[in-house]
Amino acid sequence: MDFHKIDYYGSTALAFFVRLWKRVRKHRGRMALCNLSDHGMETLRITKLDQFWPVYPSKEEAVIAVERWLGHDGEGHESVDR
């Protein structure tokens, strides 16, 4: 999830993130966050949700990490060397 245009989110958004994360996990997917503001990162720390979702400084880094976790080569193909 890319937060590059979001500085603040509240409890309703956090509840949505948790529901989304549970659905993603159910389908054996991965979720990563990127471009969080200082306030957004602090909110994750306070709620301890930073323990569940990796945070990356850019969308590109987050996408690469998720693709690696899922065993893809970046073009939607399964990687044979992993």
C-alpha atoms as a PDB file:
ATOM      1  CA  MET A   1       0.000   0.000   0.000  1.00  0.00           C
ATOM      2  CA  ASP A   2       1.400   3.328  -1.091  1.00  0.00           C
ATOM      3  CA  PHE A   3       0.887   6.242   1.300  1.00  0.00           C
ATOM      4  CA  HIS A   4       2.691   8.906  -0.728  1.00  0.00           C
ATOM      5  CA  LYS A   5      -0.314  11.281  -0.617  1.00  0.00           C
ATOM      6  CA  ILE A   6      -1.441  10.478   2.925  1.00  0.00           C
ATOM      7  CA  ASP A   7      -0.129  12.119   6.059  1.00  0.00           C
ATOM      8  CA  TYR A   8      -2.764  10.998   8.566  1.00  0.00           C
ATOM      9  CA  TYR A   9      -5.138   8.078   8.955  1.00  0.00           C
ATOM     10  CA  GLY A  10      -7.388   7.167  11.840  1.00  0.00           C
ATOM     11  CA  SER A  11      -8.842   4.128  13.530  1.00  0.00           C
ATOM     12  CA  THR A  12     -11.333   3.407  10.748  1.00  0.00           C
ATOM     13  CA  ALA A  13      -8.516   3.190   8.210  1.00  0.00           C
ATOM     14  CA  LEU A  14      -6.449   1.026  10.565  1.00  0.00           C
ATOM     15  CA  ALA A  15      -9.383  -1.369  10.940  1.00  0.00           C
ATOM     16  CA  PHE A  16      -9.649  -1.526   7.136  1.00  0.00           C
ATOM     17  CA  PHE A  17      -5.904  -2.262   6.826  1.00  0.00           C
ATOM     18  CA  VAL A  18      -6.237  -5.148   9.289  1.00  0.00           C
ATOM     19  CA  ARG A  19      -9.258  -6.589   7.425  1.00  0.00           C
ATOM     20  CA  LEU A  20      -7.407  -6.267   4.129  1.00  0.00           C
ATOM     21  CA  TRP A  21      -4.291  -7.909   5.601  1.00  0.00           C
ATOM     22  CA  LYS A  22      -6.338 -10.867   6.871  1.00  0.00           C
ATOM     23  CA  ARG A  23      -7.893 -11.342   3.443  1.00  0.00           C
ATOM     24  CA  VAL A  24      -4.503 -11.109   1.723  1.00  0.00           C
ATOM     25  CA  ARG A  25      -3.026 -13.699   4.119  1.00  0.00           C
ATOM     26  CA  LYS A  26      -5.987 -16.013   3.589  1.00  0.00           C
ATOM     27  CA  HIS A  27      -5.075 -16.102  -0.100  1.00  0.00           C
ATOM     28  CA  ARG A  28      -1.383 -16.637   0.713  1.00  0.00           C
ATOM     29  CA  GLY A  29      -0.449 -13.120  -0.341  1.00  0.00           C
ATOM     30  CA  ARG A  30       1.820 -10.529   1.245  1.00  0.00           C
ATOM     31  CA  MET A  31       1.259  -6.933   2.188  1.00  0.00           C
ATOM     32  CA  ALA A  32       3.833  -4.163   2.445  1.00  0.00           C
ATOM     33  CA  LEU A  33       3.533  -0.437   3.099  1.00  0.00           C
ATOM     34  CA  CYS A  34       5.561   2.348   1.550  1.00  0.00           C
ATOM     35  CA  ASN A  35       6.033   6.108   1.582  1.00  0.00           C
ATOM     36  CA  LEU A  36       4.681   6.501   5.113  1.00  0.00           C
ATOM     37  CA  SER A  37       4.847   9.934   6.719  1.00  0.00           C
ATOM     38  CA  ASP A  38       6.464  10.300  10.132  1.00  0.00           C
ATOM     39  CA  HIS A  39       2.976  10.533  11.629  1.00  0.00           C
ATOM     40  CA  GLY A  40       1.831   7.415   9.765  1.00  0.00           C
ATOM     41  CA  MET A  41       4.866   5.469  10.957  1.00  0.00           C
ATOM     42  CA  GLU A  42       4.305   6.620  14.540  1.00  0.00           C
ATOM     43  CA  THR A  43       0.671   5.474  14.350  1.00  0.00           C
ATOM     44  CA  LEU A  44       1.845   2.019  13.291  1.00  0.00           C
ATOM     45  CA  ARG A  45       4.388   1.924  16.128  1.00  0.00           C
ATOM     46  CA  ILE A  46       1.851   2.958  18.774  1.00  0.00           C
ATOM     47  CA  THR A  47      -0.664   0.349  17.603  1.00  0.00           C
ATOM     48  CA  LYS A  48       2.132  -2.236  17.200  1.00  0.00           C
ATOM     49  CA  LEU A  49       0.979  -2.931  13.647  1.00  0.00           C
ATOM     50  CA  ASP A  50       4.512  -2.210  12.448  1.00  0.00           C
ATOM     51  CA  GLN A  51       5.302  -5.741  13.648  1.00  0.00           C
ATOM     52  CA  PHE A  52       3.017  -7.239  11.003  1.00  0.00           C
ATOM     53  CA  TRP A  53       3.724  -5.202   7.882  1.00  0.00           C
ATOM     54  CA  PRO A  54       7.116  -4.340   6.466  1.00  0.00           C
ATOM     55  CA  VAL A  55       7.571  -0.678   5.576  1.00  0.00           C
ATOM     56  CA  TYR A  56       9.662   0.500   2.632  1.00  0.00           C
ATOM     57  CA  PRO A  57      10.767   3.995   1.630  1.00  0.00           C
ATOM     58  CA  SER A  58       9.517   3.615  -1.968  1.00  0.00           C
ATOM     59  CA  LYS A  59       6.858   1.798  -3.946  1.00  0.00           C
ATOM     60  CA  GLU A  60       9.523   0.165  -6.100  1.00  0.00           C
ATOM     61  CA  GLU A  61      11.255  -1.380  -3.067  1.00  0.00           C
ATOM     62  CA  ALA A  62       7.941  -2.627  -1.660  1.00  0.00           C
ATOM     63  CA  VAL A  63       6.934  -4.247  -4.962  1.00  0.00           C
ATOM     64  CA  ILE A  64      10.311  -5.960  -5.321  1.00  0.00           C
ATOM     65  CA  ALA A  65      10.079  -7.326  -1.768  1.00  0.00           C
ATOM     66  CA  VAL A  66       6.551  -8.681  -2.261  1.00  0.00           C
ATOM     67  CA  GLU A  67       7.517 -10.264  -5.581  1.00  0.00           C
ATOM     68  CA  ARG A  68      10.482 -11.969  -3.912  1.00  0.00           C
ATOM     69  CA  TRP A  69       8.279 -13.290  -1.113  1.00  0.00           C
ATOM     70  CA  LEU A  70       5.854 -14.668  -3.651  1.00  0.00           C
ATOM     71  CA  GLY A  71       8.598 -16.163  -5.823  1.00  0.00           C
ATOM     72  CA  HIS A  72       7.997 -14.008  -8.904  1.00  0.00           C
ATOM     73  CA  ASP A  73      10.532 -12.443 -11.220  1.00  0.00           C
ATOM     74  CA  GLY A  74       8.849  -9.041 -11.413  1.00  0.00           C
ATOM     75  CA  GLU A  75       6.908  -9.795 -14.567  1.00  0.00           C
ATOM     76  CA  GLY A  76       4.321 -12.111 -13.053  1.00  0.00           C
ATOM     77  CA  HIS A  77       6.282 -15.289 -13.771  1.00  0.00           C
ATOM     78  CA  GLU A  78       7.376 -17.790 -11.185  1.00  0.00           C
ATOM     79  CA  SER A  79      11.106 -17.693 -10.686  1.00  0.00           C
ATOM     80  CA  VAL A  80      12.934 -20.953 -11.286  1.00  0.00           C
ATOM     81  CA  ASP A  81      16.124 -20.053  -9.413  1.00  0.00           C
ATOM     82  CA  ARG A  82      14.529 -19.412  -6.025  1.00  0.00           C
END
